[in-house]
Each structure stands twice: as structure tokens, then as C-alpha cells.
């Protein structure tokens, strides 16, 4: 996944989160991961 150097931080975290959720089978989330993701989404 290419990420533009000029992205806003919020756009970057949303892009990462979207990539994660598109590949959830490959990710094992723990509570800390979910806290981080939820903080991004708020």
C-alpha cells in the first residue's frame, strides 16, 4: 500500500484502519489494539 507523504494524520490513520479491517482474518486484535483504533475513529 502506497501512502502519500502529504497525507493528513487523520487520513493516514483511517487508511491504515481500513486496510486492517479489509484483512481482519490476518490480524489478531487485542484490547490495546482496539483502544488505539477506537481513539482514531473518534
PDB file of N, CA and C in Angstrom:
ATOM      1  N   UNK A   1       0.843  -1.194   0.000  1.00  0.00           N
ATOM      2  CA  UNK A   1       0.000   0.000   0.000  1.00  0.00           C
ATOM      3  C   UNK A   1       0.876   1.242   0.000  1.00  0.00           C
ATOM      4  N   UNK A   2       0.679   2.088  -0.986  1.00  0.00           N
ATOM      5  CA  UNK A   2       1.430   3.340  -1.035  1.00  0.00           C
ATOM      6  C   UNK A   2       0.711   4.394  -0.209  1.00  0.00           C
ATOM      7  N   UNK A   3       1.499   5.165   0.525  1.00  0.00           N
ATOM      8  CA  UNK A   3       0.936   6.241   1.339  1.00  0.00           C
ATOM      9  C   UNK A   3       1.639   7.537   0.949  1.00  0.00           C
ATOM     10  N   UNK A   4       0.867   8.529   0.554  1.00  0.00           N
ATOM     11  CA  UNK A   4       1.438   9.808   0.158  1.00  0.00           C
ATOM     12  C   UNK A   4       2.038  10.518   1.360  1.00  0.00           C
ATOM     13  N   UNK A   5       3.193  11.132   1.162  1.00  0.00           N
ATOM     14  CA  UNK A   5       3.850  11.850   2.244  1.00  0.00           C
ATOM     15  C   UNK A   5       3.095  13.088   2.673  1.00  0.00           C
ATOM     16  N   UNK A   6       2.124  13.527   1.856  1.00  0.00           N
ATOM     17  CA  UNK A   6       1.394  14.749   2.177  1.00  0.00           C
ATOM     18  C   UNK A   6       0.064  14.482   2.849  1.00  0.00           C
ATOM     19  N   UNK A   7      -0.165  13.231   3.224  1.00  0.00           N
ATOM     20  CA  UNK A   7      -1.443  12.907   3.870  1.00  0.00           C
ATOM     21  C   UNK A   7      -1.558  13.596   5.220  1.00  0.00           C
ATOM     22  N   UNK A   8      -2.790  13.957   5.564  1.00  0.00           N
ATOM     23  CA  UNK A   8      -3.060  14.388   6.922  1.00  0.00           C
ATOM     24  C   UNK A   8      -3.002  13.179   7.834  1.00  0.00           C
ATOM     25  N   UNK A   9      -2.644  13.396   9.085  1.00  0.00           N
ATOM     26  CA  UNK A   9      -2.513  12.283  10.026  1.00  0.00           C
ATOM     27  C   UNK A   9      -3.828  11.511  10.135  1.00  0.00           C
ATOM     28  N   UNK A  10      -4.955  12.216  10.180  1.00  0.00           N
ATOM     29  CA  UNK A  10      -6.241  11.532  10.316  1.00  0.00           C
ATOM     30  C   UNK A  10      -6.510  10.661   9.095  1.00  0.00           C
ATOM     31  N   UNK A  11      -6.205  11.183   7.898  1.00  0.00           N
ATOM     32  CA  UNK A  11      -6.404  10.392   6.687  1.00  0.00           C
ATOM     33  C   UNK A  11      -5.515   9.157   6.702  1.00  0.00           C
ATOM     34  N   UNK A  12      -4.298   9.324   7.195  1.00  0.00           N
ATOM     35  CA  UNK A  12      -3.364   8.208   7.266  1.00  0.00           C
ATOM     36  C   UNK A  12      -3.881   7.122   8.190  1.00  0.00           C
ATOM     37  N   UNK A  13      -4.324   7.511   9.387  1.00  0.00           N
ATOM     38  CA  UNK A  13      -4.808   6.508  10.332  1.00  0.00           C
ATOM     39  C   UNK A  13      -6.065   5.833   9.798  1.00  0.00           C
ATOM     40  N   UNK A  14      -6.925   6.586   9.099  1.00  0.00           N
ATOM     41  CA  UNK A  14      -8.122   5.972   8.524  1.00  0.00           C
ATOM     42  C   UNK A  14      -7.745   4.986   7.434  1.00  0.00           C
ATOM     43  N   UNK A  15      -6.733   5.322   6.630  1.00  0.00           N
ATOM     44  CA  UNK A  15      -6.293   4.411   5.572  1.00  0.00           C
ATOM     45  C   UNK A  15      -5.734   3.124   6.163  1.00  0.00           C
ATOM     46  N   UNK A  16      -4.953   3.264   7.235  1.00  0.00           N
ATOM     47  CA  UNK A  16      -4.389   2.082   7.894  1.00  0.00           C
ATOM     48  C   UNK A  16      -5.510   1.240   8.490  1.00  0.00           C
ATOM     49  N   UNK A  17      -6.445   1.899   9.178  1.00  0.00           N
ATOM     50  CA  UNK A  17      -7.555   1.181   9.792  1.00  0.00           C
ATOM     51  C   UNK A  17      -8.361   0.440   8.725  1.00  0.00           C
ATOM     52  N   UNK A  18      -8.617   1.114   7.604  1.00  0.00           N
ATOM     53  CA  UNK A  18      -9.370   0.477   6.521  1.00  0.00           C
ATOM     54  C   UNK A  18      -8.620  -0.748   6.010  1.00  0.00           C
ATOM     55  N   UNK A  19      -7.318  -0.624   5.832  1.00  0.00           N
ATOM     56  CA  UNK A  19      -6.520  -1.762   5.371  1.00  0.00           C
ATOM     57  C   UNK A  19      -6.596  -2.909   6.368  1.00  0.00           C
ATOM     58  N   UNK A  20      -6.540  -2.587   7.660  1.00  0.00           N
ATOM     59  CA  UNK A  20      -6.641  -3.616   8.693  1.00  0.00           C
ATOM     60  C   UNK A  20      -7.980  -4.338   8.611  1.00  0.00           C
ATOM     61  N   UNK A  21      -9.058  -3.559   8.528  1.00  0.00           N
ATOM     62  CA  UNK A  21     -10.381  -4.186   8.533  1.00  0.00           C
ATOM     63  C   UNK A  21     -10.638  -4.980   7.263  1.00  0.00           C
ATOM     64  N   UNK A  22      -9.951  -4.644   6.169  1.00  0.00           N
ATOM     65  CA  UNK A  22     -10.087  -5.417   4.934  1.00  0.00           C
ATOM     66  C   UNK A  22      -9.314  -6.728   5.022  1.00  0.00           C
ATOM     67  N   UNK A  23      -8.436  -6.842   6.024  1.00  0.00           N
ATOM     68  CA  UNK A  23      -7.616  -8.035   6.178  1.00  0.00           C
ATOM     69  C   UNK A  23      -7.741  -8.598   7.591  1.00  0.00           C
ATOM     70  N   UNK A  24      -8.954  -8.530   8.138  1.00  0.00           N
ATOM     71  CA  UNK A  24      -9.124  -8.892   9.542  1.00  0.00           C
ATOM     72  C   UNK A  24      -8.741 -10.332   9.825  1.00  0.00           C
ATOM     73  N   UNK A  25      -8.863 -11.216   8.837  1.00  0.00           N
ATOM     74  CA  UNK A  25      -8.529 -12.612   9.081  1.00  0.00           C
ATOM     75  C   UNK A  25      -7.048 -12.751   9.447  1.00  0.00           C
ATOM     76  N   UNK A  26      -6.248 -11.823   8.956  1.00  0.00           N
ATOM     77  CA  UNK A  26      -4.813 -11.912   9.171  1.00  0.00           C
ATOM     78  C   UNK A  26      -4.365 -11.206  10.444  1.00  0.00           C
ATOM     79  N   UNK A  27      -5.291 -10.504  11.097  1.00  0.00           N
ATOM     80  CA  UNK A  27      -4.936  -9.719  12.275  1.00  0.00           C
ATOM     81  C   UNK A  27      -5.550 -10.337  13.518  1.00  0.00           C
ATOM     82  N   UNK A  28      -4.757 -10.400  14.576  1.00  0.00           N
ATOM     83  CA  UNK A  28      -5.280 -10.832  15.869  1.00  0.00           C
ATOM     84  C   UNK A  28      -5.268  -9.605  16.787  1.00  0.00           C
ATOM     85  N   UNK A  29      -6.424  -9.012  16.974  1.00  0.00           N
ATOM     86  CA  UNK A  29      -6.512  -7.798  17.773  1.00  0.00           C
ATOM     87  C   UNK A  29      -6.580  -8.136  19.255  1.00  0.00           C
ATOM     88  N   UNK A  30      -5.863  -7.357  20.044  1.00  0.00           N
ATOM     89  CA  UNK A  30      -6.062  -7.453  21.484  1.00  0.00           C
ATOM     90  C   UNK A  30      -6.725  -6.167  21.956  1.00  0.00           C
ATOM     91  N   UNK A  31      -6.984  -6.052  23.246  1.00  0.00           N
ATOM     92  CA  UNK A  31      -7.738  -4.890  23.731  1.00  0.00           C
ATOM     93  C   UNK A  31      -7.005  -3.590  23.473  1.00  0.00           C
ATOM     94  N   UNK A  32      -5.675  -3.612  23.570  1.00  0.00           N
ATOM     95  CA  UNK A  32      -4.908  -2.394  23.326  1.00  0.00           C
ATOM     96  C   UNK A  32      -5.066  -1.948  21.883  1.00  0.00           C
ATOM     97  N   UNK A  33      -5.022  -2.900  20.939  1.00  0.00           N
ATOM     98  CA  UNK A  33      -5.219  -2.558  19.529  1.00  0.00           C
ATOM     99  C   UNK A  33      -6.571  -1.888  19.321  1.00  0.00           C
ATOM    100  N   UNK A  34      -7.611  -2.448  19.941  1.00  0.00           N
ATOM    101  CA  UNK A  34      -8.937  -1.878  19.762  1.00  0.00           C
ATOM    102  C   UNK A  34      -9.040  -0.486  20.380  1.00  0.00           C
ATOM    103  N   UNK A  35      -8.357  -0.275  21.519  1.00  0.00           N
ATOM    104  CA  UNK A  35      -8.381   1.060  22.128  1.00  0.00           C
ATOM    105  C   UNK A  35      -7.745   2.078  21.193  1.00  0.00           C
ATOM    106  N   UNK A  36      -6.644   1.687  20.555  1.00  0.00           N
ATOM    107  CA  UNK A  36      -5.962   2.590  19.615  1.00  0.00           C
ATOM    108  C   UNK A  36      -6.872   2.878  18.427  1.00  0.00           C
ATOM    109  N   UNK A  37      -7.450   1.828  17.858  1.00  0.00           N
ATOM    110  CA  UNK A  37      -8.321   2.006  16.696  1.00  0.00           C
ATOM    111  C   UNK A  37      -9.512   2.888  17.056  1.00  0.00           C
ATOM    112  N   UNK A  38     -10.127   2.627  18.201  1.00  0.00           N
ATOM    113  CA  UNK A  38     -11.280   3.431  18.600  1.00  0.00           C
ATOM    114  C   UNK A  38     -10.894   4.885  18.826  1.00  0.00           C
ATOM    115  N   UNK A  39      -9.695   5.125  19.333  1.00  0.00           N
ATOM    116  CA  UNK A  39      -9.274   6.507  19.538  1.00  0.00           C
ATOM    117  C   UNK A  39      -9.092   7.215  18.197  1.00  0.00           C
ATOM    118  N   UNK A  40      -8.649   6.480  17.184  1.00  0.00           N
ATOM    119  CA  UNK A  40      -8.514   7.070  15.842  1.00  0.00           C
ATOM    120  C   UNK A  40      -9.872   7.438  15.272  1.00  0.00           C
ATOM    121  N   UNK A  41     -10.853   6.589  15.533  1.00  0.00           N
ATOM    122  CA  UNK A  41     -12.157   6.762  14.900  1.00  0.00           C
ATOM    123  C   UNK A  41     -12.983   7.844  15.571  1.00  0.00           C
ATOM    124  N   UNK A  42     -12.591   8.273  16.755  1.00  0.00           N
ATOM    125  CA  UNK A  42     -13.367   9.283  17.484  1.00  0.00           C
ATOM    126  C   UNK A  42     -12.976  10.686  17.072  1.00  0.00           C
TER     127      UNK A  42
END
